[in-house]
Every structure is written in structure tokens, then in C-alpha cells.
PDB file of all heavy atoms in Angstrom:
ATOM      1  N   GLU A   1       0.822  -1.204   0.000  1.00  0.00           N
ATOM      2  CA  GLU A   1       0.000   0.000   0.000  1.00  0.00           C
ATOM      3  C   GLU A   1       0.861   1.262   0.000  1.00  0.00           C
ATOM      4  O   GLU A   1       0.496   2.268  -0.611  1.00  0.00           O
ATOM      5  CB  GLU A   1      -0.936   0.004   1.211  1.00  0.00           C
ATOM      6  CG  GLU A   1      -1.963  -1.115   1.217  1.00  0.00           C
ATOM      7  CD  GLU A   1      -2.910  -1.050   0.028  1.00  0.00           C
ATOM      8  OE1 GLU A   1      -3.069   0.033  -0.569  1.00  0.00           O
ATOM      9  OE2 GLU A   1      -3.499  -2.088  -0.307  1.00  0.00           O
ATOM     10  N   ILE A   2       1.996   1.230   0.674  1.00  0.00           N
ATOM     11  CA  ILE A   2       2.906   2.379   0.652  1.00  0.00           C
ATOM     12  C   ILE A   2       3.372   2.621  -0.780  1.00  0.00           C
ATOM     13  O   ILE A   2       3.394   3.760  -1.259  1.00  0.00           O
ATOM     14  CB  ILE A   2       4.103   2.136   1.589  1.00  0.00           C
ATOM     15  CG1 ILE A   2       3.649   2.180   3.055  1.00  0.00           C
ATOM     16  CG2 ILE A   2       5.208   3.172   1.349  1.00  0.00           C
ATOM     17  CD1 ILE A   2       4.722   1.762   4.043  1.00  0.00           C
ATOM     18  N   GLY A   3       3.728   1.543  -1.491  1.00  0.00           N
ATOM     19  CA  GLY A   3       4.145   1.683  -2.879  1.00  0.00           C
ATOM     20  C   GLY A   3       3.026   2.180  -3.779  1.00  0.00           C
ATOM     21  O   GLY A   3       3.239   3.006  -4.675  1.00  0.00           O
ATOM     22  N   LEU A   4       1.796   1.693  -3.558  1.00  0.00           N
ATOM     23  CA  LEU A   4       0.663   2.139  -4.358  1.00  0.00           C
ATOM     24  C   LEU A   4       0.348   3.614  -4.110  1.00  0.00           C
ATOM     25  O   LEU A   4       0.070   4.375  -5.049  1.00  0.00           O
ATOM     26  CB  LEU A   4      -0.563   1.284  -4.050  1.00  0.00           C
ATOM     27  CG  LEU A   4      -0.542  -0.143  -4.611  1.00  0.00           C
ATOM     28  CD1 LEU A   4      -1.658  -0.969  -3.985  1.00  0.00           C
ATOM     29  CD2 LEU A   4      -0.682  -0.138  -6.135  1.00  0.00           C
ATOM     30  N   ASN A   5       0.389   4.044  -2.853  1.00  0.00           N
ATOM     31  CA  ASN A   5       0.138   5.453  -2.552  1.00  0.00           C
ATOM     32  C   ASN A   5       1.193   6.348  -3.191  1.00  0.00           C
ATOM     33  O   ASN A   5       0.873   7.440  -3.693  1.00  0.00           O
ATOM     34  CB  ASN A   5       0.103   5.681  -1.035  1.00  0.00           C
ATOM     35  CG  ASN A   5      -1.176   5.167  -0.404  1.00  0.00           C
ATOM     36  OD1 ASN A   5      -2.187   4.987  -1.066  1.00  0.00           O
ATOM     37  ND2 ASN A   5      -1.132   4.902   0.891  1.00  0.00           N
ATOM     38  N   TRP A   6       2.431   5.899  -3.174  1.00  0.00           N
ATOM     39  CA  TRP A   6       3.495   6.689  -3.811  1.00  0.00           C
ATOM     40  C   TRP A   6       3.288   6.743  -5.327  1.00  0.00           C
ATOM     41  O   TRP A   6       3.493   7.780  -5.949  1.00  0.00           O
ATOM     42  CB  TRP A   6       4.862   6.113  -3.462  1.00  0.00           C
ATOM     43  CG  TRP A   6       6.015   6.997  -3.868  1.00  0.00           C
ATOM     44  CD1 TRP A   6       6.037   8.370  -3.879  1.00  0.00           C
ATOM     45  CD2 TRP A   6       7.298   6.566  -4.313  1.00  0.00           C
ATOM     46  NE1 TRP A   6       7.267   8.819  -4.298  1.00  0.00           N
ATOM     47  CE2 TRP A   6       8.046   7.741  -4.565  1.00  0.00           C
ATOM     48  CE3 TRP A   6       7.879   5.320  -4.498  1.00  0.00           C
ATOM     49  CZ2 TRP A   6       9.366   7.691  -5.018  1.00  0.00           C
ATOM     50  CZ3 TRP A   6       9.191   5.268  -4.933  1.00  0.00           C
ATOM     51  CH2 TRP A   6       9.936   6.439  -5.201  1.00  0.00           C
ATOM     52  N   THR A   7       2.854   5.626  -5.912  1.00  0.00           N
ATOM     53  CA  THR A   7       2.571   5.600  -7.348  1.00  0.00           C
ATOM     54  C   THR A   7       1.497   6.622  -7.700  1.00  0.00           C
ATOM     55  O   THR A   7       1.644   7.414  -8.649  1.00  0.00           O
ATOM     56  CB  THR A   7       2.107   4.196  -7.779  1.00  0.00           C
ATOM     57  OG1 THR A   7       3.160   3.253  -7.528  1.00  0.00           O
ATOM     58  CG2 THR A   7       1.755   4.163  -9.262  1.00  0.00           C
ATOM     59  N   GLY A   8       0.389   6.635  -6.950  1.00  0.00           N
ATOM     60  CA  GLY A   8      -0.667   7.609  -7.203  1.00  0.00           C
ATOM     61  C   GLY A   8      -0.185   9.040  -7.030  1.00  0.00           C
ATOM     62  O   GLY A   8      -0.531   9.933  -7.813  1.00  0.00           O
ATOM     63  N   TYR A   9       0.620   9.277  -6.005  1.00  0.00           N
ATOM     64  CA  TYR A   9       1.181  10.607  -5.728  1.00  0.00           C
ATOM     65  C   TYR A   9       2.037  11.081  -6.895  1.00  0.00           C
ATOM     66  O   TYR A   9       1.946  12.244  -7.317  1.00  0.00           O
ATOM     67  CB  TYR A   9       1.995  10.515  -4.437  1.00  0.00           C
ATOM     68  CG  TYR A   9       2.782  11.747  -4.055  1.00  0.00           C
ATOM     69  CD1 TYR A   9       2.212  12.746  -3.266  1.00  0.00           C
ATOM     70  CD2 TYR A   9       4.121  11.878  -4.417  1.00  0.00           C
ATOM     71  CE1 TYR A   9       2.949  13.859  -2.868  1.00  0.00           C
ATOM     72  CE2 TYR A   9       4.872  12.984  -4.037  1.00  0.00           C
ATOM     73  CZ  TYR A   9       4.286  13.973  -3.266  1.00  0.00           C
ATOM     74  OH  TYR A   9       5.020  15.075  -2.882  1.00  0.00           O
ATOM     75  N   ILE A  10       2.875  10.191  -7.428  1.00  0.00           N
ATOM     76  CA  ILE A  10       3.738  10.561  -8.555  1.00  0.00           C
ATOM     77  C   ILE A  10       2.899  10.921  -9.777  1.00  0.00           C
ATOM     78  O   ILE A  10       3.119  11.948 -10.432  1.00  0.00           O
ATOM     79  CB  ILE A  10       4.711   9.407  -8.877  1.00  0.00           C
ATOM     80  CG1 ILE A  10       5.737   9.249  -7.746  1.00  0.00           C
ATOM     81  CG2 ILE A  10       5.428   9.648 -10.213  1.00  0.00           C
ATOM     82  CD1 ILE A  10       6.540   7.968  -7.830  1.00  0.00           C
ATOM     83  N   ILE A  11       1.930  10.080 -10.106  1.00  0.00           N
ATOM     84  CA  ILE A  11       1.097  10.328 -11.290  1.00  0.00           C
ATOM     85  C   ILE A  11       0.354  11.649 -11.171  1.00  0.00           C
ATOM     86  O   ILE A  11       0.286  12.435 -12.126  1.00  0.00           O
ATOM     87  CB  ILE A  11       0.109   9.161 -11.488  1.00  0.00           C
ATOM     88  CG1 ILE A  11       0.862   7.872 -11.840  1.00  0.00           C
ATOM     89  CG2 ILE A  11      -0.913   9.499 -12.576  1.00  0.00           C
ATOM     90  CD1 ILE A  11      -0.024   6.634 -11.861  1.00  0.00           C
ATOM     91  N   ASP A  12      -0.178  11.946 -10.000  1.00  0.00           N
ATOM     92  CA  ASP A  12      -1.042  13.113  -9.821  1.00  0.00           C
ATOM     93  C   ASP A  12      -0.298  14.378  -9.439  1.00  0.00           C
ATOM     94  O   ASP A  12      -0.682  15.477  -9.852  1.00  0.00           O
ATOM     95  CB  ASP A  12      -2.089  12.796  -8.744  1.00  0.00           C
ATOM     96  CG  ASP A  12      -3.131  13.893  -8.609  1.00  0.00           C
ATOM     97  OD1 ASP A  12      -3.608  14.373  -9.649  1.00  0.00           O
ATOM     98  OD2 ASP A  12      -3.479  14.250  -7.464  1.00  0.00           O
ATOM     99  N   HIS A  13       0.781  14.248  -8.663  1.00  0.00           N
ATOM    100  CA  HIS A  13       1.390  15.438  -8.063  1.00  0.00           C
ATOM    101  C   HIS A  13       2.851  15.666  -8.460  1.00  0.00           C
ATOM    102  O   HIS A  13       3.287  16.816  -8.487  1.00  0.00           O
ATOM    103  CB  HIS A  13       1.302  15.339  -6.533  1.00  0.00           C
ATOM    104  CG  HIS A  13       1.830  16.541  -5.815  1.00  0.00           C
ATOM    105  ND1 HIS A  13       1.168  17.759  -5.812  1.00  0.00           N
ATOM    106  CD2 HIS A  13       2.975  16.734  -5.084  1.00  0.00           C
ATOM    107  CE1 HIS A  13       1.869  18.634  -5.106  1.00  0.00           C
ATOM    108  NE2 HIS A  13       2.960  18.040  -4.662  1.00  0.00           N
ATOM    109  N   ALA A  14       3.601  14.638  -8.738  1.00  0.00           N
ATOM    110  CA  ALA A  14       5.033  14.782  -9.026  1.00  0.00           C
ATOM    111  C   ALA A  14       5.410  13.958 -10.255  1.00  0.00           C
ATOM    112  O   ALA A  14       6.218  13.031 -10.162  1.00  0.00           O
ATOM    113  CB  ALA A  14       5.859  14.352  -7.813  1.00  0.00           C
ATOM    114  N   PRO A  15       4.829  14.253 -11.415  1.00  0.00           N
ATOM    115  CA  PRO A  15       5.015  13.398 -12.595  1.00  0.00           C
ATOM    116  C   PRO A  15       6.476  13.272 -13.027  1.00  0.00           C
ATOM    117  O   PRO A  15       7.197  14.261 -13.109  1.00  0.00           O
ATOM    118  CB  PRO A  15       4.170  14.085 -13.671  1.00  0.00           C
ATOM    119  CG  PRO A  15       3.994  15.494 -13.198  1.00  0.00           C
ATOM    120  CD  PRO A  15       3.978  15.420 -11.708  1.00  0.00           C
ATOM    121  N   ALA A  16       6.887  12.040 -13.272  1.00  0.00           N
ATOM    122  CA  ALA A  16       8.240  11.708 -13.718  1.00  0.00           C
ATOM    123  C   ALA A  16       8.235  10.223 -14.065  1.00  0.00           C
ATOM    124  O   ALA A  16       7.283   9.504 -13.731  1.00  0.00           O
ATOM    125  CB  ALA A  16       9.269  12.001 -12.619  1.00  0.00           C
ATOM    126  N   PRO A  17       9.255   9.725 -14.731  1.00  0.00           N
ATOM    127  CA  PRO A  17       9.311   8.289 -15.023  1.00  0.00           C
ATOM    128  C   PRO A  17       9.413   7.459 -13.744  1.00  0.00           C
ATOM    129  O   PRO A  17      10.218   7.753 -12.853  1.00  0.00           O
ATOM    130  CB  PRO A  17      10.587   8.152 -15.868  1.00  0.00           C
ATOM    131  CG  PRO A  17      10.848   9.513 -16.401  1.00  0.00           C
ATOM    132  CD  PRO A  17      10.371  10.461 -15.367  1.00  0.00           C
ATOM    133  N   LEU A  18       8.566   6.426 -13.652  1.00  0.00           N
ATOM    134  CA  LEU A  18       8.521   5.525 -12.493  1.00  0.00           C
ATOM    135  C   LEU A  18       8.688   4.088 -12.971  1.00  0.00           C
ATOM    136  O   LEU A  18       8.051   3.675 -13.947  1.00  0.00           O
ATOM    137  CB  LEU A  18       7.178   5.671 -11.776  1.00  0.00           C
ATOM    138  CG  LEU A  18       6.770   4.553 -10.803  1.00  0.00           C
ATOM    139  CD1 LEU A  18       7.672   4.553  -9.574  1.00  0.00           C
ATOM    140  CD2 LEU A  18       5.306   4.690 -10.388  1.00  0.00           C
ATOM    141  N   LEU A  19       9.528   3.335 -12.301  1.00  0.00           N
ATOM    142  CA  LEU A  19       9.683   1.900 -12.551  1.00  0.00           C
ATOM    143  C   LEU A  19       9.233   1.146 -11.311  1.00  0.00           C
ATOM    144  O   LEU A  19       9.716   1.402 -10.208  1.00  0.00           O
ATOM    145  CB  LEU A  19      11.139   1.550 -12.867  1.00  0.00           C
ATOM    146  CG  LEU A  19      11.476   0.056 -12.995  1.00  0.00           C
ATOM    147  CD1 LEU A  19      10.776  -0.552 -14.204  1.00  0.00           C
ATOM    148  CD2 LEU A  19      12.988  -0.146 -13.075  1.00  0.00           C
ATOM    149  N   SER A  20       8.309   0.202 -11.482  1.00  0.00           N
ATOM    150  CA  SER A  20       7.825  -0.632 -10.376  1.00  0.00           C
ATOM    151  C   SER A  20       8.151  -2.082 -10.714  1.00  0.00           C
ATOM    152  O   SER A  20       7.689  -2.605 -11.736  1.00  0.00           O
ATOM    153  CB  SER A  20       6.316  -0.439 -10.196  1.00  0.00           C
ATOM    154  OG  SER A  20       5.836  -1.216  -9.117  1.00  0.00           O
ATOM    155  N   VAL A  21       8.956  -2.733  -9.868  1.00  0.00           N
ATOM    156  CA  VAL A  21       9.484  -4.061 -10.183  1.00  0.00           C
ATOM    157  C   VAL A  21       8.955  -5.090  -9.203  1.00  0.00           C
ATOM    158  O   VAL A  21       9.114  -4.952  -7.987  1.00  0.00           O
ATOM    159  CB  VAL A  21      11.028  -4.070 -10.157  1.00  0.00           C
ATOM    160  CG1 VAL A  21      11.556  -5.428 -10.634  1.00  0.00           C
ATOM    161  CG2 VAL A  21      11.593  -2.960 -11.013  1.00  0.00           C
ATOM    162  N   GLN A  22       8.330  -6.137  -9.742  1.00  0.00           N
ATOM    163  CA  GLN A  22       7.906  -7.309  -8.981  1.00  0.00           C
ATOM    164  C   GLN A  22       8.924  -8.436  -9.213  1.00  0.00           C
ATOM    165  O   GLN A  22       9.739  -8.364 -10.138  1.00  0.00           O
ATOM    166  CB  GLN A  22       6.518  -7.758  -9.441  1.00  0.00           C
ATOM    167  CG  GLN A  22       5.415  -6.755  -9.162  1.00  0.00           C
ATOM    168  CD  GLN A  22       5.089  -6.633  -7.701  1.00  0.00           C
ATOM    169  OE1 GLN A  22       5.007  -7.623  -6.987  1.00  0.00           O
ATOM    170  NE2 GLN A  22       4.899  -5.404  -7.233  1.00  0.00           N
ATOM    171  N   PRO A  23       8.917  -9.483  -8.399  1.00  0.00           N
ATOM    172  CA  PRO A  23       9.916 -10.557  -8.576  1.00  0.00           C
ATOM    173  C   PRO A  23       9.894 -11.201  -9.961  1.00  0.00           C
ATOM    174  O   PRO A  23      10.954 -11.538 -10.507  1.00  0.00           O
ATOM    175  CB  PRO A  23       9.552 -11.558  -7.481  1.00  0.00           C
ATOM    176  CG  PRO A  23       8.913 -10.720  -6.415  1.00  0.00           C
ATOM    177  CD  PRO A  23       8.146  -9.669  -7.150  1.00  0.00           C
ATOM    178  N   THR A  24       8.712 -11.412 -10.545  1.00  0.00           N
ATOM    179  CA  THR A  24       8.620 -12.060 -11.855  1.00  0.00           C
ATOM    180  C   THR A  24       7.588 -11.316 -12.704  1.00  0.00           C
ATOM    181  O   THR A  24       6.768 -10.550 -12.201  1.00  0.00           O
ATOM    182  CB  THR A  24       8.174 -13.530 -11.734  1.00  0.00           C
ATOM    183  OG1 THR A  24       6.821 -13.573 -11.230  1.00  0.00           O
ATOM    184  CG2 THR A  24       9.088 -14.305 -10.789  1.00  0.00           C
ATOM    185  N   LEU A  25       7.620 -11.580 -14.011  1.00  0.00           N
ATOM    186  CA  LEU A  25       6.632 -10.983 -14.911  1.00  0.00           C
ATOM    187  C   LEU A  25       5.228 -11.474 -14.599  1.00  0.00           C
ATOM    188  O   LEU A  25       4.254 -10.739 -14.737  1.00  0.00           O
ATOM    189  CB  LEU A  25       6.993 -11.297 -16.360  1.00  0.00           C
ATOM    190  CG  LEU A  25       8.256 -10.599 -16.898  1.00  0.00           C
ATOM    191  CD1 LEU A  25       8.580 -11.112 -18.289  1.00  0.00           C
ATOM    192  CD2 LEU A  25       8.087  -9.084 -16.909  1.00  0.00           C
ATOM    193  N   GLU A  26       5.110 -12.736 -14.164  1.00  0.00           N
ATOM    194  CA  GLU A  26       3.799 -13.269 -13.799  1.00  0.00           C
ATOM    195  C   GLU A  26       3.236 -12.523 -12.588  1.00  0.00           C
ATOM    196  O   GLU A  26       2.041 -12.173 -12.552  1.00  0.00           O
ATOM    197  CB  GLU A  26       3.899 -14.767 -13.510  1.00  0.00           C
ATOM    198  CG  GLU A  26       4.230 -15.626 -14.717  1.00  0.00           C
ATOM    199  CD  GLU A  26       5.702 -15.580 -15.108  1.00  0.00           C
ATOM    200  OE1 GLU A  26       6.519 -15.032 -14.313  1.00  0.00           O
ATOM    201  OE2 GLU A  26       6.037 -16.067 -16.198  1.00  0.00           O
ATOM    202  N   MET A  27       4.076 -12.272 -11.579  1.00  0.00           N
ATOM    203  CA  MET A  27       3.625 -11.516 -10.416  1.00  0.00           C
ATOM    204  C   MET A  27       3.327 -10.072 -10.798  1.00  0.00           C
ATOM    205  O   MET A  27       2.414  -9.448 -10.234  1.00  0.00           O
ATOM    206  CB  MET A  27       4.685 -11.587  -9.309  1.00  0.00           C
ATOM    207  CG  MET A  27       4.854 -12.982  -8.724  1.00  0.00           C
ATOM    208  SD  MET A  27       6.143 -13.079  -7.460  1.00  0.00           S
ATOM    209  CE  MET A  27       5.383 -12.154  -6.127  1.00  0.00           C
ATOM    210  N   ARG A  28       4.076  -9.532 -11.752  1.00  0.00           N
ATOM    211  CA  ARG A  28       3.789  -8.190 -12.265  1.00  0.00           C
ATOM    212  C   ARG A  28       2.378  -8.115 -12.830  1.00  0.00           C
ATOM    213  O   ARG A  28       1.619  -7.177 -12.549  1.00  0.00           O
ATOM    214  CB  ARG A  28       4.819  -7.845 -13.345  1.00  0.00           C
ATOM    215  CG  ARG A  28       4.716  -6.452 -13.981  1.00  0.00           C
ATOM    216  CD  ARG A  28       3.746  -6.353 -15.159  1.00  0.00           C
ATOM    217  NE  ARG A  28       3.863  -7.365 -16.160  1.00  0.00           N
ATOM    218  CZ  ARG A  28       4.623  -7.269 -17.258  1.00  0.00           C
ATOM    219  NH1 ARG A  28       5.371  -6.206 -17.446  1.00  0.00           N
ATOM    220  NH2 ARG A  28       4.612  -8.251 -18.161  1.00  0.00           N
ATOM    221  N   ASP A  29       2.013  -9.118 -13.633  1.00  0.00           N
ATOM    222  CA  ASP A  29       0.682  -9.121 -14.243  1.00  0.00           C
ATOM    223  C   ASP A  29      -0.412  -9.140 -13.179  1.00  0.00           C
ATOM    224  O   ASP A  29      -1.417  -8.423 -13.281  1.00  0.00           O
ATOM    225  CB  ASP A  29       0.537 -10.322 -15.177  1.00  0.00           C
ATOM    226  CG  ASP A  29       1.406 -10.200 -16.418  1.00  0.00           C
ATOM    227  OD1 ASP A  29       1.904  -9.078 -16.676  1.00  0.00           O
ATOM    228  OD2 ASP A  29       1.600 -11.210 -17.115  1.00  0.00           O
ATOM    229  N   ARG A  30      -0.242  -9.963 -12.138  1.00  0.00           N
ATOM    230  CA  ARG A  30      -1.237 -10.037 -11.066  1.00  0.00           C
ATOM    231  C   ARG A  30      -1.297  -8.714 -10.292  1.00  0.00           C
ATOM    232  O   ARG A  30      -2.385  -8.252  -9.919  1.00  0.00           O
ATOM    233  CB  ARG A  30      -0.931 -11.192 -10.117  1.00  0.00           C
ATOM    234  CG  ARG A  30      -1.181 -12.562 -10.694  1.00  0.00           C
ATOM    235  CD  ARG A  30      -1.376 -13.599  -9.601  1.00  0.00           C
ATOM    236  NE  ARG A  30      -0.251 -13.675  -8.700  1.00  0.00           N
ATOM    237  CZ  ARG A  30       0.805 -14.471  -8.884  1.00  0.00           C
ATOM    238  NH1 ARG A  30       0.878 -15.241  -9.944  1.00  0.00           N
ATOM    239  NH2 ARG A  30       1.779 -14.499  -7.995  1.00  0.00           N
ATOM    240  N   TYR A  31      -0.142  -8.145 -10.050  1.00  0.00           N
ATOM    241  CA  TYR A  31      -0.067  -6.878  -9.302  1.00  0.00           C
ATOM    242  C   TYR A  31      -0.803  -5.765 -10.054  1.00  0.00           C
ATOM    243  O   TYR A  31      -1.592  -5.024  -9.460  1.00  0.00           O
ATOM    244  CB  TYR A  31       1.402  -6.513  -9.088  1.00  0.00           C
ATOM    245  CG  TYR A  31       1.653  -5.167  -8.471  1.00  0.00           C
ATOM    246  CD1 TYR A  31       1.354  -4.926  -7.130  1.00  0.00           C
ATOM    247  CD2 TYR A  31       2.221  -4.127  -9.215  1.00  0.00           C
ATOM    248  CE1 TYR A  31       1.605  -3.692  -6.554  1.00  0.00           C
ATOM    249  CE2 TYR A  31       2.470  -2.893  -8.654  1.00  0.00           C
ATOM    250  CZ  TYR A  31       2.163  -2.677  -7.330  1.00  0.00           C
ATOM    251  OH  TYR A  31       2.404  -1.447  -6.754  1.00  0.00           O
ATOM    252  N   VAL A  32      -0.567  -5.654 -11.341  1.00  0.00           N
ATOM    253  CA  VAL A  32      -1.227  -4.609 -12.128  1.00  0.00           C
ATOM    254  C   VAL A  32      -2.738  -4.854 -12.171  1.00  0.00           C
ATOM    255  O   VAL A  32      -3.535  -3.929 -12.006  1.00  0.00           O
ATOM    256  CB  VAL A  32      -0.644  -4.546 -13.551  1.00  0.00           C
ATOM    257  CG1 VAL A  32      -1.455  -3.603 -14.436  1.00  0.00           C
ATOM    258  CG2 VAL A  32       0.814  -4.083 -13.502  1.00  0.00           C
ATOM    259  N   LEU A  33      -3.136  -6.112 -12.379  1.00  0.00           N
ATOM    260  CA  LEU A  33      -4.558  -6.436 -12.499  1.00  0.00           C
ATOM    261  C   LEU A  33      -5.303  -6.266 -11.185  1.00  0.00           C
ATOM    262  O   LEU A  33      -6.405  -5.704 -11.152  1.00  0.00           O
ATOM    263  CB  LEU A  33      -4.708  -7.877 -13.007  1.00  0.00           C
ATOM    264  CG  LEU A  33      -6.143  -8.387 -13.187  1.00  0.00           C
ATOM    265  CD1 LEU A  33      -6.850  -7.584 -14.272  1.00  0.00           C
ATOM    266  CD2 LEU A  33      -6.146  -9.874 -13.514  1.00  0.00           C
ATOM    267  N   GLN A  34      -4.710  -6.734 -10.076  1.00  0.00           N
ATOM    268  CA  GLN A  34      -5.425  -6.769  -8.801  1.00  0.00           C
ATOM    269  C   GLN A  34      -5.210  -5.525  -7.944  1.00  0.00           C
ATOM    270  O   GLN A  34      -6.054  -5.220  -7.096  1.00  0.00           O
ATOM    271  CB  GLN A  34      -4.997  -8.010  -8.008  1.00  0.00           C
ATOM    272  CG  GLN A  34      -5.348  -9.321  -8.689  1.00  0.00           C
ATOM    273  CD  GLN A  34      -4.791 -10.528  -7.934  1.00  0.00           C
ATOM    274  OE1 GLN A  34      -4.122 -10.396  -6.913  1.00  0.00           O
ATOM    275  NE2 GLN A  34      -5.074 -11.715  -8.447  1.00  0.00           N
ATOM    276  N   ARG A  35      -4.094  -4.831  -8.124  1.00  0.00           N
ATOM    277  CA  ARG A  35      -3.798  -3.711  -7.231  1.00  0.00           C
ATOM    278  C   ARG A  35      -3.750  -2.363  -7.957  1.00  0.00           C
ATOM    279  O   ARG A  35      -4.368  -1.395  -7.525  1.00  0.00           O
ATOM    280  CB  ARG A  35      -2.457  -3.952  -6.512  1.00  0.00           C
ATOM    281  CG  ARG A  35      -2.344  -5.308  -5.832  1.00  0.00           C
ATOM    282  CD  ARG A  35      -3.453  -5.565  -4.812  1.00  0.00           C
ATOM    283  NE  ARG A  35      -3.417  -4.654  -3.697  1.00  0.00           N
ATOM    284  CZ  ARG A  35      -2.698  -4.837  -2.585  1.00  0.00           C
ATOM    285  NH1 ARG A  35      -1.953  -5.919  -2.456  1.00  0.00           N
ATOM    286  NH2 ARG A  35      -2.738  -3.961  -1.594  1.00  0.00           N
ATOM    287  N   VAL A  36      -2.981  -2.288  -9.042  1.00  0.00           N
ATOM    288  CA  VAL A  36      -2.781  -0.999  -9.703  1.00  0.00           C
ATOM    289  C   VAL A  36      -4.036  -0.540 -10.436  1.00  0.00           C
ATOM    290  O   VAL A  36      -4.517   0.580 -10.224  1.00  0.00           O
ATOM    291  CB  VAL A  36      -1.589  -1.059 -10.676  1.00  0.00           C
ATOM    292  CG1 VAL A  36      -1.435   0.273 -11.412  1.00  0.00           C
ATOM    293  CG2 VAL A  36      -0.305  -1.395  -9.934  1.00  0.00           C
ATOM    294  N   ASN A  37      -4.580  -1.382 -11.298  1.00  0.00           N
ATOM    295  CA  ASN A  37      -5.746  -0.976 -12.086  1.00  0.00           C
ATOM    296  C   ASN A  37      -6.939  -0.572 -11.223  1.00  0.00           C
ATOM    297  O   ASN A  37      -7.583   0.453 -11.496  1.00  0.00           O
ATOM    298  CB  ASN A  37      -6.145  -2.076 -13.066  1.00  0.00           C
ATOM    299  CG  ASN A  37      -5.189  -2.169 -14.237  1.00  0.00           C
ATOM    300  OD1 ASN A  37      -4.364  -1.279 -14.462  1.00  0.00           O
ATOM    301  ND2 ASN A  37      -5.274  -3.250 -14.999  1.00  0.00           N
ATOM    302  N   PRO A  38      -7.289  -1.347 -10.158  1.00  0.00           N
ATOM    303  CA  PRO A  38      -8.399  -0.897  -9.302  1.00  0.00           C
ATOM    304  C   PRO A  38      -8.150   0.470  -8.676  1.00  0.00           C
ATOM    305  O   PRO A  38      -9.080   1.277  -8.551  1.00  0.00           O
ATOM    306  CB  PRO A  38      -8.495  -1.999  -8.247  1.00  0.00           C
ATOM    307  CG  PRO A  38      -7.964  -3.219  -8.929  1.00  0.00           C
ATOM    308  CD  PRO A  38      -6.860  -2.718  -9.803  1.00  0.00           C
ATOM    309  N   MET A  39      -6.894   0.761  -8.279  1.00  0.00           N
ATOM    310  CA  MET A  39      -6.598   2.071  -7.710  1.00  0.00           C
ATOM    311  C   MET A  39      -6.774   3.168  -8.753  1.00  0.00           C
ATOM    312  O   MET A  39      -7.388   4.215  -8.482  1.00  0.00           O
ATOM    313  CB  MET A  39      -5.165   2.108  -7.171  1.00  0.00           C
ATOM    314  CG  MET A  39      -4.767   3.469  -6.618  1.00  0.00           C
ATOM    315  SD  MET A  39      -3.036   3.598  -6.083  1.00  0.00           S
ATOM    316  CE  MET A  39      -2.197   3.669  -7.681  1.00  0.00           C
ATOM    317  N   LEU A  40      -6.260   2.952  -9.954  1.00  0.00           N
ATOM    318  CA  LEU A  40      -6.365   3.964 -11.001  1.00  0.00           C
ATOM    319  C   LEU A  40      -7.820   4.226 -11.380  1.00  0.00           C
ATOM    320  O   LEU A  40      -8.207   5.364 -11.641  1.00  0.00           O
ATOM    321  CB  LEU A  40      -5.579   3.517 -12.236  1.00  0.00           C
ATOM    322  CG  LEU A  40      -4.065   3.347 -12.057  1.00  0.00           C
ATOM    323  CD1 LEU A  40      -3.435   2.880 -13.357  1.00  0.00           C
ATOM    324  CD2 LEU A  40      -3.412   4.635 -11.575  1.00  0.00           C
ATOM    325  N   GLU A  41      -8.636   3.174 -11.399  1.00  0.00           N
ATOM    326  CA  GLU A  41     -10.038   3.333 -11.774  1.00  0.00           C
ATOM    327  C   GLU A  41     -10.852   4.009 -10.676  1.00  0.00           C
ATOM    328  O   GLU A  41     -11.790   4.764 -10.953  1.00  0.00           O
ATOM    329  CB  GLU A  41     -10.640   1.964 -12.098  1.00  0.00           C
ATOM    330  CG  GLU A  41     -10.048   1.324 -13.351  1.00  0.00           C
ATOM    331  CD  GLU A  41     -10.425  -0.139 -13.483  1.00  0.00           C
ATOM    332  OE1 GLU A  41     -11.274  -0.606 -12.677  1.00  0.00           O
ATOM    333  OE2 GLU A  41      -9.876  -0.817 -14.368  1.00  0.00           O
ATOM    334  N   ALA A  42     -10.509   3.755  -9.406  1.00  0.00           N
ATOM    335  CA  ALA A  42     -11.304   4.262  -8.287  1.00  0.00           C
ATOM    336  C   ALA A  42     -11.006   5.721  -7.960  1.00  0.00           C
ATOM    337  O   ALA A  42     -11.856   6.410  -7.380  1.00  0.00           O
ATOM    338  CB  ALA A  42     -11.070   3.396  -7.046  1.00  0.00           C
ATOM    339  N   CYS A  43      -9.804   6.194  -8.284  1.00  0.00           N
ATOM    340  CA  CYS A  43      -9.399   7.561  -7.939  1.00  0.00           C
ATOM    341  C   CYS A  43      -9.592   8.461  -9.159  1.00  0.00           C
ATOM    342  O   CYS A  43      -8.877   8.309 -10.156  1.00  0.00           O
ATOM    343  CB  CYS A  43      -7.945   7.602  -7.478  1.00  0.00           C
ATOM    344  SG  CYS A  43      -7.590   6.543  -6.054  1.00  0.00           S
ATOM    345  N   ASP A  44     -10.532   9.388  -9.095  1.00  0.00           N
ATOM    346  CA  ASP A  44     -10.838  10.240 -10.242  1.00  0.00           C
ATOM    347  C   ASP A  44      -9.619  10.985 -10.767  1.00  0.00           C
ATOM    348  O   ASP A  44      -9.422  11.112 -11.978  1.00  0.00           O
ATOM    349  CB  ASP A  44     -11.931  11.250  -9.872  1.00  0.00           C
ATOM    350  CG  ASP A  44     -13.282  10.587  -9.658  1.00  0.00           C
ATOM    351  OD1 ASP A  44     -13.472   9.459 -10.157  1.00  0.00           O
ATOM    352  OD2 ASP A  44     -14.139  11.189  -8.982  1.00  0.00           O
TER     353      ASP A  44
END
């Protein structure tokens, strides 16, 4: 959640290139689907 809040903060308030790394590409896909996308959709 700390990482997700920082991601939202960067996109909205401090725009710059951001790299978010999960252990594997498979875990990356789950992370984006289950955590990142719901946050982006829920926050106007």
C-alpha cells in the first residue's frame, strides 16, 4: 500500500518516469490487475 500510494502521488502530483518491479513478470501481471488498475479506476 505504501508503494501504491506513492505511485498515485507521482502520477497526480510529481510526474516523472517511475519503474515498479515485482519478482517475476507473472507476479507483475497479477499486481497490475489486482492492485494498480483498481486504484487507477477508483481515484478520479
